[in-house]
Amino acid sequence: MMITWDDFAKIEIRVGTITEVSDFPKAKKPSYQLKIDFGEFGTRQSSAQITAMYNKEELIGRQVIAVVNFPPKQIANFFSECLVLGVYTDKNDVVLLQPDRKIENGWKVG
């Protein structure tokens, strides 16, 4: 399905830094609960199925790219407020997308 430039312009994709990571035992698939600092856009939380490729300690301080203008999505007892972006491997594990150098939290991807 093709989208228009106007469709793409509606998506707010921003850079943020992970500040907290918690286990999420109530999720159906192994996941972490993340808190991500998006600078002037505030801190948001997200559920991420990234436990196969990352441990909690290595995620703290990592910059990620996320869609920040989806409505909150309830997952078990948790509300995910953004969608962290990644690439699926051939085993359906997720490798996070990130900038190749440290930049300001909240900067827009385009």
N, C-alpha and C. Protein backbone atom coordinates (compact mmCIF):
# COMPACT_ATOMS: atom_id res chain seq x y z
N MET A 1 0.83 -1.16 0.00
CA MET A 1 0.00 0.00 0.00
C MET A 1 0.89 1.24 0.00
N MET A 2 0.64 2.14 -0.89
CA MET A 2 1.38 3.40 -0.98
C MET A 2 0.72 4.43 -0.05
N ILE A 3 1.57 5.26 0.57
CA ILE A 3 1.06 6.38 1.35
C ILE A 3 1.53 7.67 0.69
N THR A 4 0.95 8.76 1.09
CA THR A 4 1.34 10.04 0.53
C THR A 4 2.34 10.72 1.47
N TRP A 5 2.98 11.78 0.97
CA TRP A 5 3.87 12.57 1.82
C TRP A 5 3.09 13.17 2.98
N ASP A 6 1.84 13.54 2.74
CA ASP A 6 1.01 14.07 3.81
C ASP A 6 0.77 13.03 4.90
N ASP A 7 0.59 11.76 4.50
CA ASP A 7 0.44 10.68 5.48
C ASP A 7 1.70 10.57 6.35
N PHE A 8 2.86 10.57 5.71
CA PHE A 8 4.13 10.45 6.44
C PHE A 8 4.34 11.64 7.37
N ALA A 9 3.95 12.82 6.93
CA ALA A 9 4.14 14.03 7.73
C ALA A 9 3.34 14.00 9.04
N LYS A 10 2.32 13.16 9.12
CA LYS A 10 1.51 13.05 10.33
C LYS A 10 2.22 12.26 11.43
N ILE A 11 3.23 11.50 11.07
CA ILE A 11 3.92 10.64 12.04
C ILE A 11 5.01 11.43 12.73
N GLU A 12 4.95 11.49 14.05
CA GLU A 12 5.97 12.16 14.86
C GLU A 12 6.97 11.11 15.31
N ILE A 13 8.12 11.07 14.66
CA ILE A 13 9.18 10.14 15.03
C ILE A 13 10.29 10.96 15.67
N ARG A 14 10.62 10.65 16.91
CA ARG A 14 11.56 11.46 17.68
C ARG A 14 12.61 10.59 18.36
N VAL A 15 13.70 11.23 18.73
CA VAL A 15 14.79 10.57 19.44
C VAL A 15 14.62 10.79 20.93
N GLY A 16 14.82 9.73 21.70
CA GLY A 16 14.76 9.82 23.15
C GLY A 16 15.81 8.93 23.78
N THR A 17 16.04 9.15 25.08
CA THR A 17 17.01 8.36 25.83
C THR A 17 16.28 7.54 26.89
N ILE A 18 16.58 6.25 26.94
CA ILE A 18 15.98 5.36 27.93
C ILE A 18 16.56 5.71 29.30
N THR A 19 15.67 5.99 30.25
CA THR A 19 16.11 6.36 31.60
C THR A 19 15.82 5.28 32.64
N GLU A 20 14.82 4.44 32.38
CA GLU A 20 14.47 3.36 33.31
C GLU A 20 14.03 2.14 32.52
N VAL A 21 14.36 0.96 33.04
CA VAL A 21 13.94 -0.31 32.43
C VAL A 21 13.49 -1.24 33.54
N SER A 22 12.29 -1.81 33.36
CA SER A 22 11.74 -2.76 34.34
C SER A 22 11.27 -4.01 33.62
N ASP A 23 11.32 -5.13 34.33
CA ASP A 23 10.71 -6.35 33.80
C ASP A 23 9.21 -6.13 33.68
N PHE A 24 8.59 -6.86 32.76
CA PHE A 24 7.14 -6.75 32.55
C PHE A 24 6.54 -8.16 32.56
N PRO A 25 6.41 -8.77 33.74
CA PRO A 25 5.96 -10.15 33.83
C PRO A 25 4.52 -10.38 33.37
N LYS A 26 3.68 -9.33 33.35
CA LYS A 26 2.28 -9.50 32.94
C LYS A 26 2.09 -9.46 31.42
N ALA A 27 3.12 -9.12 30.66
CA ALA A 27 3.02 -9.09 29.20
C ALA A 27 2.91 -10.53 28.68
N LYS A 28 2.17 -10.71 27.58
CA LYS A 28 2.01 -12.04 26.99
C LYS A 28 3.32 -12.57 26.44
N LYS A 29 4.12 -11.69 25.83
CA LYS A 29 5.44 -12.07 25.30
C LYS A 29 6.50 -11.36 26.13
N PRO A 30 7.69 -11.97 26.29
CA PRO A 30 8.72 -11.34 27.10
C PRO A 30 8.99 -9.89 26.67
N SER A 31 8.88 -8.97 27.63
CA SER A 31 9.00 -7.54 27.34
C SER A 31 9.60 -6.80 28.52
N TYR A 32 10.06 -5.60 28.22
CA TYR A 32 10.46 -4.65 29.25
C TYR A 32 9.48 -3.48 29.24
N GLN A 33 9.39 -2.81 30.38
CA GLN A 33 8.72 -1.52 30.47
C GLN A 33 9.84 -0.47 30.45
N LEU A 34 9.75 0.48 29.53
CA LEU A 34 10.78 1.51 29.38
C LEU A 34 10.22 2.87 29.74
N LYS A 35 11.05 3.72 30.33
CA LYS A 35 10.76 5.15 30.45
C LYS A 35 11.79 5.85 29.57
N ILE A 36 11.30 6.74 28.71
CA ILE A 36 12.15 7.37 27.70
C ILE A 36 11.99 8.88 27.79
N ASP A 37 13.12 9.58 27.86
CA ASP A 37 13.14 11.04 27.94
C ASP A 37 13.20 11.61 26.52
N PHE A 38 12.16 12.36 26.14
CA PHE A 38 12.10 13.00 24.83
C PHE A 38 12.33 14.51 24.93
N GLY A 39 13.12 14.94 25.90
CA GLY A 39 13.45 16.35 26.04
C GLY A 39 12.22 17.20 26.27
N GLU A 40 12.04 18.24 25.45
CA GLU A 40 10.93 19.17 25.63
C GLU A 40 9.56 18.49 25.46
N PHE A 41 9.53 17.28 24.92
CA PHE A 41 8.27 16.55 24.73
C PHE A 41 7.95 15.66 25.93
N GLY A 42 8.80 15.67 26.94
CA GLY A 42 8.54 14.96 28.17
C GLY A 42 9.01 13.52 28.17
N THR A 43 8.68 12.83 29.25
CA THR A 43 9.03 11.42 29.41
C THR A 43 7.80 10.58 29.08
N ARG A 44 8.04 9.54 28.33
CA ARG A 44 6.95 8.62 27.96
C ARG A 44 7.37 7.21 28.31
N GLN A 45 6.38 6.35 28.46
CA GLN A 45 6.67 4.95 28.74
C GLN A 45 6.26 4.09 27.56
N SER A 46 6.95 2.96 27.45
CA SER A 46 6.69 2.04 26.34
C SER A 46 6.94 0.62 26.79
N SER A 47 6.20 -0.30 26.21
CA SER A 47 6.46 -1.72 26.38
C SER A 47 7.21 -2.17 25.14
N ALA A 48 8.32 -2.90 25.34
CA ALA A 48 9.14 -3.30 24.20
C ALA A 48 9.55 -4.76 24.31
N GLN A 49 9.30 -5.51 23.25
CA GLN A 49 9.67 -6.93 23.19
C GLN A 49 11.12 -7.06 22.69
N ILE A 50 12.05 -6.66 23.55
CA ILE A 50 13.45 -6.63 23.15
C ILE A 50 14.34 -7.44 24.10
N THR A 51 13.74 -8.31 24.90
CA THR A 51 14.49 -9.05 25.92
C THR A 51 15.47 -10.05 25.32
N ALA A 52 15.23 -10.52 24.12
CA ALA A 52 16.14 -11.50 23.51
C ALA A 52 17.48 -10.89 23.11
N MET A 53 17.48 -9.61 22.79
CA MET A 53 18.69 -8.97 22.27
C MET A 53 19.37 -8.03 23.27
N TYR A 54 18.65 -7.63 24.33
CA TYR A 54 19.18 -6.62 25.25
C TYR A 54 18.91 -7.00 26.70
N ASN A 55 19.87 -6.70 27.57
CA ASN A 55 19.60 -6.81 29.00
C ASN A 55 19.30 -5.41 29.53
N LYS A 56 18.69 -5.35 30.68
CA LYS A 56 18.22 -4.07 31.23
C LYS A 56 19.35 -3.06 31.40
N GLU A 57 20.49 -3.52 31.90
CA GLU A 57 21.58 -2.61 32.20
C GLU A 57 22.11 -1.90 30.96
N GLU A 58 22.20 -2.60 29.84
CA GLU A 58 22.76 -1.98 28.63
C GLU A 58 21.79 -1.01 27.96
N LEU A 59 20.52 -1.03 28.36
CA LEU A 59 19.53 -0.13 27.76
C LEU A 59 19.53 1.26 28.41
N ILE A 60 19.91 1.34 29.67
CA ILE A 60 19.91 2.63 30.36
C ILE A 60 20.90 3.57 29.66
N GLY A 61 20.41 4.76 29.29
CA GLY A 61 21.24 5.75 28.62
C GLY A 61 21.32 5.61 27.12
N ARG A 62 20.72 4.56 26.56
CA ARG A 62 20.74 4.34 25.11
C ARG A 62 19.70 5.23 24.44
N GLN A 63 20.11 5.88 23.36
CA GLN A 63 19.14 6.65 22.58
C GLN A 63 18.41 5.71 21.63
N VAL A 64 17.11 5.96 21.47
CA VAL A 64 16.26 5.18 20.60
C VAL A 64 15.41 6.11 19.75
N ILE A 65 14.78 5.54 18.76
CA ILE A 65 13.87 6.27 17.88
C ILE A 65 12.48 5.70 18.10
N ALA A 66 11.49 6.60 18.26
CA ALA A 66 10.14 6.14 18.57
C ALA A 66 9.09 7.03 17.92
N VAL A 67 7.94 6.42 17.64
CA VAL A 67 6.77 7.17 17.20
C VAL A 67 6.07 7.64 18.47
N VAL A 68 5.86 8.96 18.58
CA VAL A 68 5.35 9.51 19.83
C VAL A 68 3.92 10.03 19.73
N ASN A 69 3.27 9.91 18.57
CA ASN A 69 1.91 10.46 18.48
C ASN A 69 0.84 9.39 18.23
N PHE A 70 1.09 8.16 18.68
CA PHE A 70 0.03 7.16 18.75
C PHE A 70 -0.76 7.40 20.04
N PRO A 71 -2.04 7.03 20.08
CA PRO A 71 -2.74 7.09 21.36
C PRO A 71 -2.17 6.01 22.30
N PRO A 72 -2.27 6.21 23.61
CA PRO A 72 -1.78 5.19 24.54
C PRO A 72 -2.45 3.85 24.28
N LYS A 73 -1.66 2.78 24.42
CA LYS A 73 -2.17 1.42 24.22
C LYS A 73 -1.99 0.64 25.51
N GLN A 74 -3.11 0.08 26.00
CA GLN A 74 -3.03 -0.70 27.23
C GLN A 74 -2.53 -2.10 26.93
N ILE A 75 -1.49 -2.49 27.65
CA ILE A 75 -0.93 -3.84 27.57
C ILE A 75 -0.91 -4.37 29.00
N ALA A 76 -1.79 -5.32 29.27
CA ALA A 76 -2.00 -5.81 30.64
C ALA A 76 -2.36 -4.61 31.53
N ASN A 77 -1.58 -4.35 32.57
CA ASN A 77 -1.88 -3.26 33.50
C ASN A 77 -1.03 -2.01 33.21
N PHE A 78 -0.51 -1.90 32.01
CA PHE A 78 0.46 -0.86 31.65
C PHE A 78 -0.02 -0.11 30.41
N PHE A 79 0.21 1.21 30.37
CA PHE A 79 -0.15 2.01 29.20
C PHE A 79 1.12 2.40 28.46
N SER A 80 1.26 1.92 27.23
CA SER A 80 2.39 2.26 26.38
C SER A 80 2.04 3.55 25.64
N GLU A 81 2.92 4.56 25.75
CA GLU A 81 2.64 5.90 25.22
C GLU A 81 3.44 6.23 23.96
N CYS A 82 4.29 5.33 23.52
CA CYS A 82 5.05 5.53 22.29
C CYS A 82 5.47 4.16 21.76
N LEU A 83 5.86 4.12 20.50
CA LEU A 83 6.30 2.87 19.87
C LEU A 83 7.78 2.99 19.53
N VAL A 84 8.60 2.25 20.25
CA VAL A 84 10.03 2.22 19.99
C VAL A 84 10.25 1.41 18.71
N LEU A 85 11.07 1.95 17.80
CA LEU A 85 11.26 1.32 16.50
C LEU A 85 12.49 0.42 16.49
N GLY A 86 12.37 -0.68 15.75
CA GLY A 86 13.47 -1.61 15.60
C GLY A 86 13.31 -2.42 14.34
N VAL A 87 14.29 -3.25 14.09
CA VAL A 87 14.31 -4.12 12.91
C VAL A 87 14.15 -5.56 13.39
N TYR A 88 13.26 -6.31 12.73
CA TYR A 88 13.08 -7.72 13.07
C TYR A 88 14.16 -8.56 12.41
N THR A 89 14.77 -9.45 13.19
CA THR A 89 15.73 -10.40 12.63
C THR A 89 14.97 -11.58 12.03
N ASP A 90 15.71 -12.51 11.45
CA ASP A 90 15.07 -13.70 10.88
C ASP A 90 14.45 -14.59 11.96
N LYS A 91 14.78 -14.35 13.23
CA LYS A 91 14.19 -15.10 14.35
C LYS A 91 13.12 -14.29 15.07
N ASN A 92 12.71 -13.16 14.47
CA ASN A 92 11.71 -12.25 15.03
C ASN A 92 12.17 -11.54 16.31
N ASP A 93 13.47 -11.51 16.56
CA ASP A 93 13.99 -10.68 17.63
C ASP A 93 14.08 -9.26 17.10
N VAL A 94 14.15 -8.27 17.99
CA VAL A 94 14.15 -6.87 17.57
C VAL A 94 15.49 -6.22 17.89
N VAL A 95 16.08 -5.59 16.88
CA VAL A 95 17.29 -4.78 17.04
C VAL A 95 16.83 -3.32 16.98
N LEU A 96 17.13 -2.56 18.02
CA LEU A 96 16.67 -1.18 18.11
C LEU A 96 17.30 -0.26 17.07
N LEU A 97 16.51 0.68 16.56
CA LEU A 97 17.03 1.74 15.72
C LEU A 97 17.54 2.85 16.63
N GLN A 98 18.68 3.44 16.26
CA GLN A 98 19.23 4.53 17.06
C GLN A 98 20.08 5.42 16.18
N PRO A 99 20.24 6.69 16.60
CA PRO A 99 21.12 7.57 15.83
C PRO A 99 22.57 7.09 15.94
N ASP A 100 23.38 7.42 14.95
CA ASP A 100 24.77 6.96 14.97
C ASP A 100 25.68 7.86 15.81
N ARG A 101 25.13 8.94 16.36
CA ARG A 101 25.85 9.78 17.31
C ARG A 101 24.85 10.38 18.28
N LYS A 102 25.33 10.79 19.44
CA LYS A 102 24.43 11.35 20.46
C LYS A 102 23.89 12.69 19.97
N ILE A 103 22.56 12.84 20.07
CA ILE A 103 21.90 14.09 19.68
C ILE A 103 20.91 14.48 20.76
N GLU A 104 20.30 15.63 20.60
CA GLU A 104 19.35 16.13 21.59
C GLU A 104 18.09 15.27 21.62
N ASN A 105 17.64 14.95 22.83
CA ASN A 105 16.37 14.24 22.98
C ASN A 105 15.24 15.11 22.43
N GLY A 106 14.34 14.48 21.71
CA GLY A 106 13.19 15.18 21.15
C GLY A 106 13.36 15.59 19.70
N TRP A 107 14.60 15.53 19.18
CA TRP A 107 14.78 15.91 17.78
C TRP A 107 13.97 14.99 16.87
N LYS A 108 13.44 15.54 15.82
CA LYS A 108 12.53 14.83 14.91
C LYS A 108 13.29 14.08 13.82
N VAL A 109 12.81 12.88 13.55
CA VAL A 109 13.33 12.07 12.45
C VAL A 109 12.49 12.38 11.23
N GLY A 110 13.11 12.53 10.08
CA GLY A 110 12.36 12.84 8.87
C GLY A 110 13.04 12.38 7.63
